[in-house]
PDB file of all heavy atoms in Angstrom:
ATOM      1  N   PRO A   1       4.694  -2.863  -6.280  1.00  0.00           N
ATOM      2  CA  PRO A   1       5.217  -1.932  -5.275  1.00  0.00           C
ATOM      3  C   PRO A   1       5.724  -0.626  -5.872  1.00  0.00           C
ATOM      4  O   PRO A   1       5.710   0.407  -5.215  1.00  0.00           O
ATOM      5  CB  PRO A   1       6.354  -2.721  -4.618  1.00  0.00           C
ATOM      6  CG  PRO A   1       5.977  -4.153  -4.817  1.00  0.00           C
ATOM      7  CD  PRO A   1       5.292  -4.199  -6.161  1.00  0.00           C
ATOM      8  N   ASP A   2       6.151  -0.667  -7.154  1.00  0.00           N
ATOM      9  CA  ASP A   2       6.646   0.558  -7.786  1.00  0.00           C
ATOM     10  C   ASP A   2       5.531   1.555  -8.053  1.00  0.00           C
ATOM     11  O   ASP A   2       5.801   2.703  -8.418  1.00  0.00           O
ATOM     12  CB  ASP A   2       7.352   0.222  -9.097  1.00  0.00           C
ATOM     13  CG  ASP A   2       8.630  -0.578  -8.868  1.00  0.00           C
ATOM     14  OD1 ASP A   2       9.186  -0.467  -7.751  1.00  0.00           O
ATOM     15  OD2 ASP A   2       9.058  -1.298  -9.783  1.00  0.00           O
ATOM     16  N   GLU A   3       4.241   1.145  -7.901  1.00  0.00           N
ATOM     17  CA  GLU A   3       3.136   2.063  -8.140  1.00  0.00           C
ATOM     18  C   GLU A   3       3.015   3.119  -7.043  1.00  0.00           C
ATOM     19  O   GLU A   3       2.325   4.117  -7.213  1.00  0.00           O
ATOM     20  CB  GLU A   3       1.815   1.289  -8.214  1.00  0.00           C
ATOM     21  CG  GLU A   3       1.663   0.421  -9.443  1.00  0.00           C
ATOM     22  CD  GLU A   3       0.304  -0.250  -9.477  1.00  0.00           C
ATOM     23  OE1 GLU A   3      -0.627   0.267  -8.843  1.00  0.00           O
ATOM     24  OE2 GLU A   3       0.169  -1.286 -10.131  1.00  0.00           O
ATOM     25  N   LEU A   4       3.640   2.900  -5.892  1.00  0.00           N
ATOM     26  CA  LEU A   4       3.535   3.873  -4.814  1.00  0.00           C
ATOM     27  C   LEU A   4       4.122   5.202  -5.256  1.00  0.00           C
ATOM     28  O   LEU A   4       5.211   5.269  -5.814  1.00  0.00           O
ATOM     29  CB  LEU A   4       4.279   3.370  -3.576  1.00  0.00           C
ATOM     30  CG  LEU A   4       3.723   2.110  -2.908  1.00  0.00           C
ATOM     31  CD1 LEU A   4       4.628   1.696  -1.768  1.00  0.00           C
ATOM     32  CD2 LEU A   4       2.328   2.372  -2.404  1.00  0.00           C
ATOM     33  N   ASP A   5       3.383   6.293  -4.983  1.00  0.00           N
ATOM     34  CA  ASP A   5       3.923   7.609  -5.325  1.00  0.00           C
ATOM     35  C   ASP A   5       4.786   8.111  -4.176  1.00  0.00           C
ATOM     36  O   ASP A   5       4.965   7.454  -3.162  1.00  0.00           O
ATOM     37  CB  ASP A   5       2.802   8.590  -5.685  1.00  0.00           C
ATOM     38  CG  ASP A   5       1.858   8.839  -4.516  1.00  0.00           C
ATOM     39  OD1 ASP A   5       2.278   8.624  -3.371  1.00  0.00           O
ATOM     40  OD2 ASP A   5       0.713   9.267  -4.773  1.00  0.00           O
ATOM     41  N   LEU A   6       5.327   9.305  -4.323  1.00  0.00           N
ATOM     42  CA  LEU A   6       6.263   9.818  -3.336  1.00  0.00           C
ATOM     43  C   LEU A   6       5.624   9.998  -1.971  1.00  0.00           C
ATOM     44  O   LEU A   6       6.290   9.960  -0.946  1.00  0.00           O
ATOM     45  CB  LEU A   6       6.850  11.147  -3.816  1.00  0.00           C
ATOM     46  CG  LEU A   6       7.729  11.047  -5.074  1.00  0.00           C
ATOM     47  CD1 LEU A   6       8.208  12.430  -5.476  1.00  0.00           C
ATOM     48  CD2 LEU A   6       8.918  10.136  -4.817  1.00  0.00           C
ATOM     49  N   ALA A   7       4.319  10.220  -1.937  1.00  0.00           N
ATOM     50  CA  ALA A   7       3.636  10.413  -0.657  1.00  0.00           C
ATOM     51  C   ALA A   7       3.282   9.095  -0.004  1.00  0.00           C
ATOM     52  O   ALA A   7       2.799   9.060   1.121  1.00  0.00           O
ATOM     53  CB  ALA A   7       2.361  11.233  -0.868  1.00  0.00           C
ATOM     54  N   GLY A   8       3.511   8.010  -0.717  1.00  0.00           N
ATOM     55  CA  GLY A   8       3.178   6.711  -0.149  1.00  0.00           C
ATOM     56  C   GLY A   8       1.733   6.333  -0.325  1.00  0.00           C
ATOM     57  O   GLY A   8       1.268   5.370   0.253  1.00  0.00           O
ATOM     58  N   LEU A   9       0.976   7.098  -1.138  1.00  0.00           N
ATOM     59  CA  LEU A   9      -0.439   6.804  -1.311  1.00  0.00           C
ATOM     60  C   LEU A   9      -0.636   5.885  -2.491  1.00  0.00           C
ATOM     61  O   LEU A   9       0.031   6.017  -3.519  1.00  0.00           O
ATOM     62  CB  LEU A   9      -1.224   8.104  -1.532  1.00  0.00           C
ATOM     63  CG  LEU A   9      -1.165   9.105  -0.377  1.00  0.00           C
ATOM     64  CD1 LEU A   9      -1.884  10.387  -0.770  1.00  0.00           C
ATOM     65  CD2 LEU A   9      -1.806   8.518   0.869  1.00  0.00           C
ATOM     66  N   TYR A  10      -1.571   4.976  -2.383  1.00  0.00           N
ATOM     67  CA  TYR A  10      -1.836   4.058  -3.473  1.00  0.00           C
ATOM     68  C   TYR A  10      -2.668   4.758  -4.530  1.00  0.00           C
ATOM     69  O   TYR A  10      -3.567   5.542  -4.230  1.00  0.00           O
ATOM     70  CB  TYR A  10      -2.583   2.827  -2.953  1.00  0.00           C
ATOM     71  CG  TYR A  10      -1.760   2.024  -1.994  1.00  0.00           C
ATOM     72  CD1 TYR A  10      -2.030   2.049  -0.635  1.00  0.00           C
ATOM     73  CD2 TYR A  10      -0.676   1.280  -2.440  1.00  0.00           C
ATOM     74  CE1 TYR A  10      -1.255   1.330   0.265  1.00  0.00           C
ATOM     75  CE2 TYR A  10       0.101   0.566  -1.546  1.00  0.00           C
ATOM     76  CZ  TYR A  10      -0.199   0.599  -0.204  1.00  0.00           C
ATOM     77  OH  TYR A  10       0.574  -0.101   0.672  1.00  0.00           O
ATOM     78  N   PRO A  11      -2.404   4.489  -5.785  1.00  0.00           N
ATOM     79  CA  PRO A  11      -3.159   5.144  -6.855  1.00  0.00           C
ATOM     80  C   PRO A  11      -4.588   4.626  -6.909  1.00  0.00           C
ATOM     81  O   PRO A  11      -4.906   3.566  -6.401  1.00  0.00           O
ATOM     82  CB  PRO A  11      -2.383   4.732  -8.118  1.00  0.00           C
ATOM     83  CG  PRO A  11      -1.755   3.426  -7.736  1.00  0.00           C
ATOM     84  CD  PRO A  11      -1.413   3.537  -6.288  1.00  0.00           C
ATOM     85  N   SER A  12      -5.434   5.401  -7.535  1.00  0.00           N
ATOM     86  CA  SER A  12      -6.815   4.950  -7.699  1.00  0.00           C
ATOM     87  C   SER A  12      -6.849   3.769  -8.648  1.00  0.00           C
ATOM     88  O   SER A  12      -5.982   3.608  -9.500  1.00  0.00           O
ATOM     89  CB  SER A  12      -7.679   6.086  -8.255  1.00  0.00           C
ATOM     90  OG  SER A  12      -7.170   6.515  -9.501  1.00  0.00           O
ATOM     91  N   ALA A  13      -7.876   2.929  -8.485  1.00  0.00           N
ATOM     92  CA  ALA A  13      -7.909   1.669  -9.223  1.00  0.00           C
ATOM     93  C   ALA A  13      -8.505   1.847 -10.609  1.00  0.00           C
ATOM     94  O   ALA A  13      -9.535   2.489 -10.770  1.00  0.00           O
ATOM     95  CB  ALA A  13      -8.738   0.660  -8.456  1.00  0.00           C
ATOM     96  N   PRO A  14      -7.876   1.273 -11.616  1.00  0.00           N
ATOM     97  CA  PRO A  14      -8.518   1.207 -12.927  1.00  0.00           C
ATOM     98  C   PRO A  14      -9.561   0.097 -12.923  1.00  0.00           C
ATOM     99  O   PRO A  14      -9.754  -0.585 -11.928  1.00  0.00           O
ATOM    100  CB  PRO A  14      -7.340   0.853 -13.843  1.00  0.00           C
ATOM    101  CG  PRO A  14      -6.427   0.053 -12.958  1.00  0.00           C
ATOM    102  CD  PRO A  14      -6.566   0.646 -11.590  1.00  0.00           C
ATOM    103  N   ALA A  15     -10.222  -0.082 -14.049  1.00  0.00           N
ATOM    104  CA  ALA A  15     -11.194  -1.171 -14.146  1.00  0.00           C
ATOM    105  C   ALA A  15     -10.475  -2.499 -13.948  1.00  0.00           C
ATOM    106  O   ALA A  15      -9.352  -2.678 -14.423  1.00  0.00           O
ATOM    107  CB  ALA A  15     -11.866  -1.142 -15.515  1.00  0.00           C
ATOM    108  N   PRO A  16     -11.080  -3.426 -13.206  1.00  0.00           N
ATOM    109  CA  PRO A  16     -10.418  -4.711 -12.951  1.00  0.00           C
ATOM    110  C   PRO A  16     -10.264  -5.506 -14.237  1.00  0.00           C
ATOM    111  O   PRO A  16     -11.043  -5.367 -15.180  1.00  0.00           O
ATOM    112  CB  PRO A  16     -11.369  -5.402 -11.977  1.00  0.00           C
ATOM    113  CG  PRO A  16     -12.704  -4.768 -12.219  1.00  0.00           C
ATOM    114  CD  PRO A  16     -12.420  -3.353 -12.602  1.00  0.00           C
ATOM    115  N   ALA A  17      -9.235  -6.354 -14.258  1.00  0.00           N
ATOM    116  CA  ALA A  17      -9.001  -7.175 -15.440  1.00  0.00           C
ATOM    117  C   ALA A  17     -10.121  -8.192 -15.630  1.00  0.00           C
ATOM    118  O   ALA A  17     -10.468  -8.524 -16.752  1.00  0.00           O
ATOM    119  CB  ALA A  17      -7.661  -7.892 -15.319  1.00  0.00           C
ATOM    120  N   GLU A  18     -10.659  -8.698 -14.533  1.00  0.00           N
ATOM    121  CA  GLU A  18     -11.734  -9.671 -14.615  1.00  0.00           C
ATOM    122  C   GLU A  18     -12.907  -9.200 -13.780  1.00  0.00           C
ATOM    123  O   GLU A  18     -12.738  -8.566 -12.747  1.00  0.00           O
ATOM    124  CB  GLU A  18     -11.256 -11.043 -14.110  1.00  0.00           C
ATOM    125  CG  GLU A  18     -10.149 -11.648 -14.940  1.00  0.00           C
ATOM    126  CD  GLU A  18      -9.740 -13.008 -14.411  1.00  0.00           C
ATOM    127  OE1 GLU A  18     -10.497 -13.581 -13.596  1.00  0.00           O
ATOM    128  OE2 GLU A  18      -8.685 -13.500 -14.801  1.00  0.00           O
ATOM    129  N   GLU A  19     -14.097  -9.500 -14.250  1.00  0.00           N
ATOM    130  CA  GLU A  19     -15.296  -9.114 -13.512  1.00  0.00           C
ATOM    131  C   GLU A  19     -15.410  -9.965 -12.252  1.00  0.00           C
ATOM    132  O   GLU A  19     -15.442 -11.186 -12.315  1.00  0.00           O
ATOM    133  CB  GLU A  19     -16.528  -9.333 -14.386  1.00  0.00           C
ATOM    134  CG  GLU A  19     -17.796  -8.743 -13.807  1.00  0.00           C
ATOM    135  CD  GLU A  19     -17.789  -7.232 -13.819  1.00  0.00           C
ATOM    136  OE1 GLU A  19     -17.044  -6.641 -14.640  1.00  0.00           O
ATOM    137  OE2 GLU A  19     -18.502  -6.638 -13.002  1.00  0.00           O
ATOM    138  N   PRO A  20     -15.452  -9.343 -11.059  1.00  0.00           N
ATOM    139  CA  PRO A  20     -15.565 -10.129  -9.832  1.00  0.00           C
ATOM    140  C   PRO A  20     -16.977 -10.663  -9.665  1.00  0.00           C
ATOM    141  O   PRO A  20     -17.927 -10.174 -10.293  1.00  0.00           O
ATOM    142  CB  PRO A  20     -15.220  -9.117  -8.742  1.00  0.00           C
ATOM    143  CG  PRO A  20     -15.648  -7.805  -9.313  1.00  0.00           C
ATOM    144  CD  PRO A  20     -15.386  -7.903 -10.791  1.00  0.00           C
ATOM    145  N   PRO A  21     -17.157 -11.665  -8.816  1.00  0.00           N
ATOM    146  CA  PRO A  21     -18.502 -12.191  -8.581  1.00  0.00           C
ATOM    147  C   PRO A  21     -19.425 -11.121  -8.001  1.00  0.00           C
ATOM    148  O   PRO A  21     -18.981 -10.202  -7.309  1.00  0.00           O
ATOM    149  CB  PRO A  21     -18.265 -13.318  -7.568  1.00  0.00           C
ATOM    150  CG  PRO A  21     -16.811 -13.623  -7.645  1.00  0.00           C
ATOM    151  CD  PRO A  21     -16.134 -12.369  -8.052  1.00  0.00           C
ATOM    152  N   ALA A  22     -20.702 -11.246  -8.284  1.00  0.00           N
ATOM    153  CA  ALA A  22     -21.689 -10.328  -7.716  1.00  0.00           C
ATOM    154  C   ALA A  22     -21.822 -10.597  -6.220  1.00  0.00           C
ATOM    155  O   ALA A  22     -21.991 -11.746  -5.795  1.00  0.00           O
ATOM    156  CB  ALA A  22     -23.034 -10.513  -8.409  1.00  0.00           C
ATOM    157  N   VAL A  23     -21.725  -9.538  -5.422  1.00  0.00           N
ATOM    158  CA  VAL A  23     -21.742  -9.673  -3.971  1.00  0.00           C
ATOM    159  C   VAL A  23     -22.708  -8.678  -3.354  1.00  0.00           C
ATOM    160  O   VAL A  23     -22.764  -7.515  -3.764  1.00  0.00           O
ATOM    161  CB  VAL A  23     -20.328  -9.448  -3.385  1.00  0.00           C
ATOM    162  CG1 VAL A  23     -20.375  -9.424  -1.857  1.00  0.00           C
ATOM    163  CG2 VAL A  23     -19.374 -10.531  -3.856  1.00  0.00           C
ATOM    164  N   THR A  24     -23.458  -9.146  -2.373  1.00  0.00           N
ATOM    165  CA  THR A  24     -24.307  -8.284  -1.545  1.00  0.00           C
ATOM    166  C   THR A  24     -23.871  -8.444  -0.100  1.00  0.00           C
ATOM    167  O   THR A  24     -23.671  -9.569   0.376  1.00  0.00           O
ATOM    168  CB  THR A  24     -25.783  -8.667  -1.676  1.00  0.00           C
ATOM    169  OG1 THR A  24     -26.177  -8.552  -3.049  1.00  0.00           O
ATOM    170  CG2 THR A  24     -26.660  -7.763  -0.812  1.00  0.00           C
ATOM    171  N   ILE A  25     -23.699  -7.327   0.595  1.00  0.00           N
ATOM    172  CA  ILE A  25     -23.316  -7.379   2.005  1.00  0.00           C
ATOM    173  C   ILE A  25     -24.560  -7.636   2.846  1.00  0.00           C
ATOM    174  O   ILE A  25     -25.499  -6.828   2.856  1.00  0.00           O
ATOM    175  CB  ILE A  25     -22.649  -6.066   2.444  1.00  0.00           C
ATOM    176  CG1 ILE A  25     -21.412  -5.769   1.594  1.00  0.00           C
ATOM    177  CG2 ILE A  25     -22.270  -6.139   3.931  1.00  0.00           C
ATOM    178  CD1 ILE A  25     -20.794  -4.413   1.862  1.00  0.00           C
ATOM    179  N   LEU A  26     -24.579  -8.761   3.557  1.00  0.00           N
ATOM    180  CA  LEU A  26     -25.688  -9.054   4.465  1.00  0.00           C
ATOM    181  C   LEU A  26     -25.391  -8.532   5.870  1.00  0.00           C
ATOM    182  O   LEU A  26     -26.297  -8.042   6.550  1.00  0.00           O
ATOM    183  CB  LEU A  26     -25.946 -10.560   4.499  1.00  0.00           C
ATOM    184  CG  LEU A  26     -26.308 -11.200   3.149  1.00  0.00           C
ATOM    185  CD1 LEU A  26     -26.568 -12.694   3.318  1.00  0.00           C
ATOM    186  CD2 LEU A  26     -27.519 -10.510   2.529  1.00  0.00           C
ATOM    187  N   SER A  27     -24.133  -8.642   6.298  1.00  0.00           N
ATOM    188  CA  SER A  27     -23.712  -8.048   7.564  1.00  0.00           C
ATOM    189  C   SER A  27     -22.199  -7.972   7.561  1.00  0.00           C
ATOM    190  O   SER A  27     -21.528  -8.782   6.922  1.00  0.00           O
ATOM    191  CB  SER A  27     -24.204  -8.871   8.765  1.00  0.00           C
ATOM    192  OG  SER A  27     -23.602 -10.148   8.786  1.00  0.00           O
ATOM    193  N   ALA A  28     -21.674  -6.971   8.271  1.00  0.00           N
ATOM    194  CA  ALA A  28     -20.224  -6.799   8.350  1.00  0.00           C
ATOM    195  C   ALA A  28     -19.864  -6.296   9.736  1.00  0.00           C
ATOM    196  O   ALA A  28     -20.117  -5.133  10.067  1.00  0.00           O
ATOM    197  CB  ALA A  28     -19.732  -5.839   7.271  1.00  0.00           C
ATOM    198  N   ALA A  29     -19.297  -7.184  10.548  1.00  0.00           N
ATOM    199  CA  ALA A  29     -18.823  -6.856  11.886  1.00  0.00           C
ATOM    200  C   ALA A  29     -17.314  -7.048  11.913  1.00  0.00           C
ATOM    201  O   ALA A  29     -16.745  -7.650  11.001  1.00  0.00           O
ATOM    202  CB  ALA A  29     -19.507  -7.747  12.926  1.00  0.00           C
ATOM    203  N   PRO A  30     -16.633  -6.538  12.941  1.00  0.00           N
ATOM    204  CA  PRO A  30     -15.174  -6.680  12.976  1.00  0.00           C
ATOM    205  C   PRO A  30     -14.682  -8.122  12.947  1.00  0.00           C
ATOM    206  O   PRO A  30     -13.563  -8.379  12.497  1.00  0.00           O
ATOM    207  CB  PRO A  30     -14.795  -5.996  14.297  1.00  0.00           C
ATOM    208  CG  PRO A  30     -15.884  -5.009  14.541  1.00  0.00           C
ATOM    209  CD  PRO A  30     -17.126  -5.668  14.033  1.00  0.00           C
ATOM    210  N   ASP A  31     -15.494  -9.071  13.448  1.00  0.00           N
ATOM    211  CA  ASP A  31     -15.037 -10.457  13.501  1.00  0.00           C
ATOM    212  C   ASP A  31     -15.846 -11.419  12.636  1.00  0.00           C
ATOM    213  O   ASP A  31     -15.553 -12.614  12.607  1.00  0.00           O
ATOM    214  CB  ASP A  31     -15.042 -10.957  14.941  1.00  0.00           C
ATOM    215  CG  ASP A  31     -16.425 -10.874  15.576  1.00  0.00           C
ATOM    216  OD1 ASP A  31     -17.351 -10.322  14.929  1.00  0.00           O
ATOM    217  OD2 ASP A  31     -16.586 -11.343  16.719  1.00  0.00           O
ATOM    218  N   ARG A  32     -16.858 -10.919  11.944  1.00  0.00           N
ATOM    219  CA  ARG A  32     -17.682 -11.813  11.119  1.00  0.00           C
ATOM    220  C   ARG A  32     -18.323 -11.009   9.989  1.00  0.00           C
ATOM    221  O   ARG A  32     -18.936  -9.966  10.225  1.00  0.00           O
ATOM    222  CB  ARG A  32     -18.756 -12.487  11.972  1.00  0.00           C
ATOM    223  CG  ARG A  32     -19.668 -13.436  11.200  1.00  0.00           C
ATOM    224  CD  ARG A  32     -20.670 -14.090  12.148  1.00  0.00           C
ATOM    225  NE  ARG A  32     -21.744 -14.781  11.466  1.00  0.00           N
ATOM    226  CZ  ARG A  32     -21.675 -16.026  11.004  1.00  0.00           C
ATOM    227  NH1 ARG A  32     -20.547 -16.700  11.149  1.00  0.00           N
ATOM    228  NH2 ARG A  32     -22.692 -16.593  10.396  1.00  0.00           N
ATOM    229  N   VAL A  33     -18.171 -11.528   8.782  1.00  0.00           N
ATOM    230  CA  VAL A  33     -18.763 -10.894   7.598  1.00  0.00           C
ATOM    231  C   VAL A  33     -19.601 -11.938   6.879  1.00  0.00           C
ATOM    232  O   VAL A  33     -19.125 -13.049   6.622  1.00  0.00           O
ATOM    233  CB  VAL A  33     -17.669 -10.337   6.659  1.00  0.00           C
ATOM    234  CG1 VAL A  33     -18.286  -9.805   5.373  1.00  0.00           C
ATOM    235  CG2 VAL A  33     -16.865  -9.247   7.366  1.00  0.00           C
ATOM    236  N   VAL A  34     -20.844 -11.588   6.577  1.00  0.00           N
ATOM    237  CA  VAL A  34     -21.740 -12.488   5.857  1.00  0.00           C
ATOM    238  C   VAL A  34     -22.082 -11.838   4.529  1.00  0.00           C
ATOM    239  O   VAL A  34     -22.577 -10.701   4.488  1.00  0.00           O
ATOM    240  CB  VAL A  34     -23.017 -12.790   6.660  1.00  0.00           C
ATOM    241  CG1 VAL A  34     -23.892 -13.780   5.894  1.00  0.00           C
ATOM    242  CG2 VAL A  34     -22.667 -13.346   8.037  1.00  0.00           C
ATOM    243  N   LEU A  35     -21.817 -12.549   3.449  1.00  0.00           N
ATOM    244  CA  LEU A  35     -22.021 -12.032   2.102  1.00  0.00           C
ATOM    245  C   LEU A  35     -22.929 -12.967   1.315  1.00  0.00           C
ATOM    246  O   LEU A  35     -22.936 -14.182   1.546  1.00  0.00           O
ATOM    247  CB  LEU A  35     -20.678 -11.901   1.366  1.00  0.00           C
ATOM    248  CG  LEU A  35     -19.586 -11.070   2.049  1.00  0.00           C
ATOM    249  CD1 LEU A  35     -18.291 -11.175   1.261  1.00  0.00           C
ATOM    250  CD2 LEU A  35     -20.016  -9.616   2.188  1.00  0.00           C
ATOM    251  N   ASP A  36     -23.665 -12.374   0.399  1.00  0.00           N
ATOM    252  CA  ASP A  36     -24.382 -13.149  -0.619  1.00  0.00           C
ATOM    253  C   ASP A  36     -23.528 -13.108  -1.874  1.00  0.00           C
ATOM    254  O   ASP A  36     -23.350 -12.050  -2.480  1.00  0.00           O
ATOM    255  CB  ASP A  36     -25.768 -12.553  -0.871  1.00  0.00           C
ATOM    256  CG  ASP A  36     -26.571 -13.353  -1.882  1.00  0.00           C
ATOM    257  OD1 ASP A  36     -26.081 -13.523  -3.026  1.00  0.00           O
ATOM    258  OD2 ASP A  36     -27.676 -13.809  -1.549  1.00  0.00           O
ATOM    259  N   VAL A  37     -22.958 -14.258  -2.229  1.00  0.00           N
ATOM    260  CA  VAL A  37     -22.057 -14.335  -3.378  1.00  0.00           C
ATOM    261  C   VAL A  37     -22.769 -15.067  -4.497  1.00  0.00           C
ATOM    262  O   VAL A  37     -22.967 -16.288  -4.427  1.00  0.00           O
ATOM    263  CB  VAL A  37     -20.742 -15.051  -3.006  1.00  0.00           C
ATOM    264  CG1 VAL A  37     -19.795 -15.065  -4.205  1.00  0.00           C
ATOM    265  CG2 VAL A  37     -20.088 -14.394  -1.808  1.00  0.00           C
ATOM    266  N   ALA A  38     -23.198 -14.329  -5.507  1.00  0.00           N
ATOM    267  CA  ALA A  38     -23.905 -14.912  -6.651  1.00  0.00           C
ATOM    268  C   ALA A  38     -25.091 -15.767  -6.208  1.00  0.00           C
ATOM    269  O   ALA A  38     -25.324 -16.860  -6.731  1.00  0.00           O
ATOM    270  CB  ALA A  38     -22.942 -15.723  -7.516  1.00  0.00           C
TER     271      ALA A  38
END
């Protein structure tokens, strides 16, 4: 929480500590998201 600057904006992200799984977006709706995960 201390990362918030005075304007309340979140800082840009550095490289993640761990490599996330490979993901492909197959569809993304407000109530349903279908992903290809690895």
